[in-house]
């Protein structure tokens, strides 16, 4: 990539978004979009002090104007060719006793679904205006194709992101524009760390047991796949939602391991975790 190429990354202040921004600055100018001013400043300081070209934009992704400003800033600084919609959140609640507090539904839909929609809209508007063969990556989730208790709203938004990704790919493919989604499984983000501290080690073990690779991903492992999908190496990949989840979705449950093989690897045969 040319160092004049620019990328927008939403949710760049922490977790997966931060890892994606940290990867993309290796060969692009990156516009960091984040609602938390403290984490935004921290990431900008870290990347710029390492000699990378980064620019910050404080804003709420549920608002179209945030994406318009991100697009303008990226076009001002270089040639906008990459856009990553990563900002998102989740809160669990039972469907049969769903709270009236709007933060449990309205806010999740506004950030995950509407925010991704406006990101895609501004990205493709920029690409077609400049006749640029750009690429979009949306961050979906394993929850976009599998269900877990109390995650109805979150799963609805992630399913929508996969559908939106296909629409962008099908509609704008004739102009050389690609769109893909990445669907992570369990990733050790600050949000997950906070959850595990609150709920105890049994939840971490449950996630590890459910995943055939028997571990939780590092955010950098998601960033590597996003970088690949944005690059020319993925020039014929479009309209896909690529699961990056350690084999989780391929499994019919955690099962047991061959006792002799498990013993030779120093693993418990009942769940595959270390002895």
Protein backbone atom coordinates (compact mmCIF):
# COMPACT_ATOMS: atom_id res chain seq x y z
CA UNK A 1 0.00 0.00 0.00
CA UNK A 2 1.02 3.58 -0.57
CA UNK A 3 1.66 5.59 2.58
CA UNK A 4 -0.74 8.15 1.13
CA UNK A 5 -3.58 5.67 1.55
CA UNK A 6 -5.94 6.40 4.41
CA UNK A 7 -8.11 4.18 6.58
CA UNK A 8 -10.92 4.94 9.03
CA UNK A 9 -11.28 2.72 12.11
CA UNK A 10 -14.24 3.21 14.45
CA UNK A 11 -14.05 2.05 18.05
CA UNK A 12 -10.29 2.57 17.82
CA UNK A 13 -9.84 3.45 21.49
CA UNK A 14 -9.67 -0.05 22.90
CA UNK A 15 -9.82 -3.78 22.30
CA UNK A 16 -10.20 -5.03 18.76
CA UNK A 17 -10.48 -1.52 17.25
CA UNK A 18 -7.24 -0.44 18.88
CA UNK A 19 -5.48 -3.57 17.63
CA UNK A 20 -6.78 -2.95 14.10
CA UNK A 21 -5.57 0.66 14.13
CA UNK A 22 -2.19 -0.47 15.46
CA UNK A 23 -1.88 -2.92 12.56
CA UNK A 24 -3.10 -0.60 9.79
CA UNK A 25 -0.73 2.26 10.68
CA UNK A 26 2.10 0.10 9.38
CA UNK A 27 1.21 1.15 5.83
CA UNK A 28 -1.67 3.65 6.01
CA UNK A 29 -2.68 6.97 7.45
CA UNK A 30 -5.31 6.08 10.05
CA UNK A 31 -8.26 8.15 11.29
CA UNK A 32 -9.15 6.96 14.80
CA UNK A 33 -12.84 7.33 15.67
CA UNK A 34 -13.78 6.89 19.31
CA UNK A 35 -16.33 8.23 21.82
CA UNK A 36 -14.04 7.98 24.86
CA UNK A 37 -11.69 11.00 24.84
CA UNK A 38 -9.19 9.49 27.28
CA UNK A 39 -8.65 6.24 25.37
CA UNK A 40 -8.64 8.10 22.04
CA UNK A 41 -5.85 10.40 23.23
CA UNK A 42 -3.91 7.44 24.60
CA UNK A 43 -4.00 5.49 21.33
CA UNK A 44 -3.13 8.56 19.25
CA UNK A 45 -0.20 9.34 21.54
CA UNK A 46 1.08 5.75 21.42
CA UNK A 47 0.91 5.44 17.63
CA UNK A 48 2.12 8.94 16.74
CA UNK A 49 5.07 8.68 19.14
CA UNK A 50 6.08 5.52 17.25
CA UNK A 51 6.26 7.64 14.08
CA UNK A 52 2.92 6.72 12.55
CA UNK A 53 0.45 9.07 10.88
CA UNK A 54 -2.76 9.05 12.91
CA UNK A 55 -5.56 11.57 13.37
CA UNK A 56 -8.22 11.53 16.06
CA UNK A 57 -11.92 12.13 15.75
CA UNK A 58 -14.07 12.19 18.88
CA UNK A 59 -17.62 11.16 18.06
CA UNK A 60 -20.64 8.92 18.52
CA UNK A 61 -20.88 6.36 15.68
CA UNK A 62 -24.67 6.22 15.95
CA UNK A 63 -24.71 9.71 14.40
CA UNK A 64 -24.23 10.04 10.65
CA UNK A 65 -22.31 13.27 11.15
CA UNK A 66 -19.51 11.39 12.93
CA UNK A 67 -18.93 9.29 9.82
CA UNK A 68 -19.17 12.33 7.54
CA UNK A 69 -16.46 14.03 9.59
CA UNK A 70 -14.32 10.88 9.55
CA UNK A 71 -14.64 10.65 5.80
CA UNK A 72 -13.71 14.32 5.33
CA UNK A 73 -10.70 14.02 7.61
CA UNK A 74 -9.45 10.88 5.85
CA UNK A 75 -9.92 12.45 2.38
CA UNK A 76 -8.07 15.55 3.54
CA UNK A 77 -5.09 13.52 4.78
CA UNK A 78 -4.79 10.99 1.95
CA UNK A 79 -6.69 8.69 -0.42
CA UNK A 80 -9.40 6.93 1.55
CA UNK A 81 -9.30 3.25 0.52
CA UNK A 82 -10.14 1.36 3.74
CA UNK A 83 -12.93 1.64 6.28
CA UNK A 84 -13.39 -0.56 9.35
CA UNK A 85 -16.60 -0.41 11.36
CA UNK A 86 -15.58 -1.85 14.72
CA UNK A 87 -17.39 0.22 17.37
CA UNK A 88 -19.93 -1.86 19.23
CA UNK A 89 -21.28 -2.94 22.59
CA UNK A 90 -23.48 -5.52 24.22
CA UNK A 91 -25.61 -5.91 27.31
CA UNK A 92 -27.45 -9.11 28.10
CA UNK A 93 -31.06 -9.36 29.23
CA UNK A 94 -33.74 -12.09 29.14
CA UNK A 95 -36.26 -11.65 26.34
CA UNK A 96 -39.19 -12.75 28.54
CA UNK A 97 -38.42 -10.05 31.12
CA UNK A 98 -36.75 -7.39 29.03
CA UNK A 99 -35.97 -4.10 30.83
CA UNK A 100 -37.55 -0.85 29.69
CA UNK A 101 -34.20 0.90 30.07
CA UNK A 102 -33.37 2.01 26.49
CA UNK A 103 -29.67 1.25 26.97
CA UNK A 104 -30.55 -2.45 26.71
CA UNK A 105 -31.91 -2.16 23.17
CA UNK A 106 -31.97 1.29 21.57
CA UNK A 107 -28.34 2.10 22.33
CA UNK A 108 -27.06 -1.28 21.14
CA UNK A 109 -28.98 -1.02 17.87
CA UNK A 110 -27.87 2.60 17.40
CA UNK A 111 -24.18 1.81 17.85
CA UNK A 112 -23.83 -1.68 16.38
CA UNK A 113 -26.34 -1.61 13.55
CA UNK A 114 -27.05 2.02 12.67
CA UNK A 115 -23.42 3.00 13.26
CA UNK A 116 -22.17 0.31 10.90
CA UNK A 117 -24.78 1.34 8.33
CA UNK A 118 -23.64 4.98 8.31
CA UNK A 119 -20.00 3.88 8.18
CA UNK A 120 -20.69 1.78 5.09
CA UNK A 121 -22.72 4.61 3.53
CA UNK A 122 -19.96 7.19 3.91
CA UNK A 123 -17.25 4.74 2.87
CA UNK A 124 -18.92 3.78 -0.42
CA UNK A 125 -19.93 7.41 -1.07
CA UNK A 126 -16.26 8.36 -0.80
CA UNK A 127 -15.11 5.44 -2.97
CA UNK A 128 -17.56 6.11 -5.82
CA UNK A 129 -16.97 9.87 -5.71
CA UNK A 130 -13.24 9.36 -6.12
CA UNK A 131 -13.61 6.24 -8.32
CA UNK A 132 -11.50 4.41 -5.73
CA UNK A 133 -11.48 0.61 -5.50
CA UNK A 134 -11.89 0.71 -1.76
CA UNK A 135 -12.63 -1.95 0.83
CA UNK A 136 -14.88 -2.12 3.88
CA UNK A 137 -14.56 -4.52 6.82
CA UNK A 138 -17.35 -4.70 9.37
CA UNK A 139 -16.85 -6.37 12.73
CA UNK A 140 -19.60 -8.91 13.23
CA UNK A 141 -19.53 -11.78 15.74
CA UNK A 142 -20.09 -15.51 16.14
CA UNK A 143 -23.35 -14.23 17.66
CA UNK A 144 -24.43 -13.24 14.15
CA UNK A 145 -24.94 -16.91 13.29
CA UNK A 146 -25.31 -18.72 16.63
CA UNK A 147 -27.47 -17.95 19.66
CA UNK A 148 -26.68 -17.59 23.35
CA UNK A 149 -29.09 -16.94 26.18
CA UNK A 150 -29.93 -13.28 26.88
CA UNK A 151 -28.14 -11.97 23.76
CA UNK A 152 -31.17 -11.40 21.52
CA UNK A 153 -30.56 -7.73 20.70
CA UNK A 154 -26.82 -8.12 20.21
CA UNK A 155 -27.34 -11.12 17.95
CA UNK A 156 -29.98 -9.28 15.95
CA UNK A 157 -27.54 -6.43 15.26
CA UNK A 158 -24.68 -8.75 14.29
CA UNK A 159 -26.93 -10.69 11.92
CA UNK A 160 -27.86 -7.36 10.37
CA UNK A 161 -24.19 -6.46 9.94
CA UNK A 162 -23.60 -9.67 7.99
CA UNK A 163 -26.59 -8.86 5.75
CA UNK A 164 -25.40 -5.28 5.22
CA UNK A 165 -21.94 -6.56 4.29
CA UNK A 166 -23.42 -8.77 1.56
CA UNK A 167 -25.46 -5.86 0.23
CA UNK A 168 -22.44 -3.58 -0.07
CA UNK A 169 -20.43 -6.33 -1.78
CA UNK A 170 -23.18 -7.15 -4.27
CA UNK A 171 -24.13 -3.55 -5.06
CA UNK A 172 -20.67 -2.01 -5.37
CA UNK A 173 -18.63 -4.98 -6.59
CA UNK A 174 -18.99 -3.89 -10.24
CA UNK A 175 -17.01 -0.74 -9.36
CA UNK A 176 -14.15 -2.67 -7.75
CA UNK A 177 -15.35 -2.07 -4.19
CA UNK A 178 -15.18 -4.97 -1.74
CA UNK A 179 -16.92 -5.53 1.60
CA UNK A 180 -16.37 -8.29 4.13
CA UNK A 181 -17.12 -8.94 7.78
CA UNK A 182 -15.01 -10.54 10.48
CA UNK A 183 -16.89 -12.53 13.11
CA UNK A 184 -14.73 -12.95 16.22
CA UNK A 185 -15.34 -15.49 18.94
CA UNK A 186 -14.00 -14.90 22.45
CA UNK A 187 -11.37 -12.14 22.39
CA UNK A 188 -9.49 -10.85 25.43
CA UNK A 189 -10.58 -7.22 25.19
CA UNK A 190 -10.80 -4.85 28.17
CA UNK A 191 -14.57 -5.44 28.17
CA UNK A 192 -14.14 -9.22 28.43
CA UNK A 193 -11.45 -8.84 31.10
CA UNK A 194 -13.83 -6.71 33.14
CA UNK A 195 -16.60 -9.29 32.71
CA UNK A 196 -14.31 -12.14 33.81
CA UNK A 197 -13.11 -10.23 36.87
CA UNK A 198 -16.73 -9.62 37.83
CA UNK A 199 -18.03 -13.13 37.16
CA UNK A 200 -15.08 -15.34 38.03
CA UNK A 201 -12.70 -17.80 36.43
CA UNK A 202 -15.41 -20.37 35.62
CA UNK A 203 -16.60 -18.16 32.75
CA UNK A 204 -13.11 -17.96 31.29
CA UNK A 205 -12.77 -21.72 31.53
CA UNK A 206 -16.16 -22.18 29.84
CA UNK A 207 -15.07 -20.06 26.87
CA UNK A 208 -11.79 -21.94 26.60
CA UNK A 209 -13.51 -25.32 26.80
CA UNK A 210 -16.05 -24.41 24.09
CA UNK A 211 -13.26 -23.39 21.69
CA UNK A 212 -11.34 -26.23 19.99
CA UNK A 213 -8.11 -24.20 20.20
CA UNK A 214 -8.78 -24.05 23.98
CA UNK A 215 -7.89 -20.42 24.43
CA UNK A 216 -9.26 -16.91 24.10
CA UNK A 217 -7.94 -14.82 21.19
CA UNK A 218 -5.70 -11.80 21.47
CA UNK A 219 -7.13 -8.70 19.70
CA UNK A 220 -4.08 -8.68 17.40
CA UNK A 221 -5.25 -12.00 15.91
CA UNK A 222 -8.45 -10.33 14.73
CA UNK A 223 -6.49 -7.34 13.43
CA UNK A 224 -4.33 -9.58 11.24
CA UNK A 225 -7.41 -10.96 9.46
CA UNK A 226 -8.91 -7.49 9.02
CA UNK A 227 -5.62 -6.27 7.53
CA UNK A 228 -5.60 -9.21 5.11
CA UNK A 229 -9.19 -8.57 3.97
CA UNK A 230 -8.41 -4.90 3.30
CA UNK A 231 -5.28 -5.74 1.34
CA UNK A 232 -4.73 -6.69 -2.29
CA UNK A 233 -3.99 -10.22 -1.08
CA UNK A 234 -7.77 -10.58 -0.61
CA UNK A 235 -8.58 -9.01 -3.98
CA UNK A 236 -11.14 -11.69 -4.88
CA UNK A 237 -12.74 -12.02 -1.44
CA UNK A 238 -15.98 -10.09 -1.05
CA UNK A 239 -19.36 -10.47 0.63
CA UNK A 240 -18.02 -12.89 3.24
CA UNK A 241 -18.37 -13.02 6.99
CA UNK A 242 -15.17 -14.72 8.08
CA UNK A 243 -15.33 -16.33 11.51
CA UNK A 244 -12.13 -15.92 13.55
CA UNK A 245 -13.03 -18.02 16.56
CA UNK A 246 -10.61 -20.86 17.11
CA UNK A 247 -12.90 -23.44 15.52
CA UNK A 248 -15.81 -22.70 17.86
CA UNK A 249 -18.51 -22.78 15.17
CA UNK A 250 -17.17 -26.02 13.67
CA UNK A 251 -17.69 -27.93 16.89
CA UNK A 252 -20.66 -29.95 18.15
CA UNK A 253 -19.83 -28.98 21.72
CA UNK A 254 -16.58 -29.32 23.63
CA UNK A 255 -16.55 -33.14 23.97
CA UNK A 256 -13.72 -35.18 25.44
CA UNK A 257 -10.26 -35.89 24.11
CA UNK A 258 -8.52 -39.15 23.34
CA UNK A 259 -7.15 -40.04 26.82
CA UNK A 260 -3.70 -41.16 25.65
CA UNK A 261 -3.25 -38.20 23.30
CA UNK A 262 -4.47 -35.77 25.95
CA UNK A 263 -2.02 -37.22 28.49
CA UNK A 264 0.90 -36.92 26.06
CA UNK A 265 0.07 -33.22 25.58
CA UNK A 266 -0.40 -32.56 29.29
CA UNK A 267 -4.12 -31.91 28.91
CA UNK A 268 -7.21 -33.01 30.81
CA UNK A 269 -9.03 -35.61 28.73
CA UNK A 270 -12.46 -34.37 29.86
CA UNK A 271 -12.10 -30.85 28.44
CA UNK A 272 -8.71 -30.29 26.80
CA UNK A 273 -7.47 -27.72 29.31
CA UNK A 274 -3.96 -28.00 30.81
CA UNK A 275 -3.48 -30.47 33.65
